[in-house]
Protein backbone atom coordinates (compact mmCIF):
# COMPACT_ATOMS: atom_id res chain seq x y z
CA UNK A 1 71.29 138.51 117.62
CA UNK A 2 74.63 138.98 119.79
CA UNK A 3 75.53 137.75 123.16
CA UNK A 4 75.39 141.44 124.39
CA UNK A 5 71.98 141.96 123.44
CA UNK A 6 71.22 138.87 124.75
CA UNK A 7 71.93 139.49 127.40
CA UNK A 8 70.26 142.81 127.69
CA UNK A 9 67.19 141.06 126.66
CA UNK A 10 67.81 138.37 129.46
CA UNK A 11 67.86 141.32 131.88
CA UNK A 12 64.98 142.77 130.57
CA UNK A 13 62.67 139.29 130.79
CA UNK A 14 64.19 138.77 134.86
CA UNK A 15 63.23 142.02 135.84
CA UNK A 16 59.69 142.14 134.34
CA UNK A 17 59.46 138.38 135.57
CA UNK A 18 60.33 139.32 139.24
CA UNK A 19 57.45 142.34 138.73
CA UNK A 20 55.49 139.21 138.38
CA UNK A 21 56.32 136.92 141.29
CA UNK A 22 58.41 135.24 139.17
CA UNK A 23 61.85 133.81 138.76
CA UNK A 24 63.53 133.77 135.46
CA UNK A 25 66.09 130.79 135.72
CA UNK A 26 68.71 129.49 132.75
CA UNK A 27 70.14 126.33 132.58
CA UNK A 28 73.55 125.52 134.21
CA UNK A 29 74.28 122.95 131.50
CA UNK A 30 77.64 123.88 130.22
CA UNK A 31 77.80 121.41 127.21
CA UNK A 32 76.65 123.78 123.73
CA UNK A 33 75.26 120.07 122.59
CA UNK A 34 73.12 119.01 125.10
CA UNK A 35 69.57 119.67 124.20
CA UNK A 36 68.95 121.91 127.43
CA UNK A 37 71.67 124.00 126.76
CA UNK A 38 70.86 128.35 127.16
CA UNK A 39 67.51 127.31 127.73
CA UNK A 40 65.30 128.96 130.88
CA UNK A 41 61.84 128.12 132.96
CA UNK A 42 60.21 130.18 135.23
CA UNK A 43 59.99 129.54 139.24
CA UNK A 44 57.41 131.12 141.33
CA UNK A 45 59.11 133.18 144.09
CA UNK A 46 56.99 132.76 146.77
CA UNK A 47 57.33 129.30 146.98
CA UNK A 48 60.72 127.35 144.27
CA UNK A 49 57.80 125.79 141.80
CA UNK A 50 57.67 125.92 138.51
CA UNK A 51 55.41 127.61 137.11
CA UNK A 52 56.21 127.71 133.02
CA UNK A 53 58.43 124.86 131.41
CA UNK A 54 58.74 123.05 128.52
CA UNK A 55 57.80 119.43 129.84
CA UNK A 56 58.50 117.55 125.84
CA UNK A 57 62.31 117.76 126.95
CA UNK A 58 61.71 115.44 129.79
CA UNK A 59 61.05 118.43 132.53
CA UNK A 60 62.47 121.78 133.36
CA UNK A 61 63.47 124.33 131.37
CA UNK A 62 63.91 124.25 127.48
CA UNK A 63 62.02 127.23 127.02
CA UNK A 64 63.76 130.01 125.03
CA UNK A 65 63.00 133.95 126.12
CA UNK A 66 60.59 134.28 122.90
CA UNK A 67 58.44 131.85 124.72
CA UNK A 68 59.58 133.68 128.32
CA UNK A 69 58.44 136.96 126.55
CA UNK A 70 55.09 135.83 125.34
CA UNK A 71 54.07 134.35 128.27
CA UNK A 72 55.46 137.24 130.91
CA UNK A 73 53.31 139.37 128.23
CA UNK A 74 49.96 137.49 128.56
CA UNK A 75 49.72 137.35 132.16
């Protein structure tokens, strides 16, 4: 998947999350060697609490777009 396709998919998932009252956020890390670089989490739009994330990596973020898509499809 090239960068353009990934961005299109990311935007589609952002819209899907918004329809469910969630906000898709991406890690702001800029170091490609960082463990959480390029990963995501979902936040409750109403109260800004974490709705879905990977705590295995020490908190926040840690999810792939595939994991986000699966979560949003199951809701």
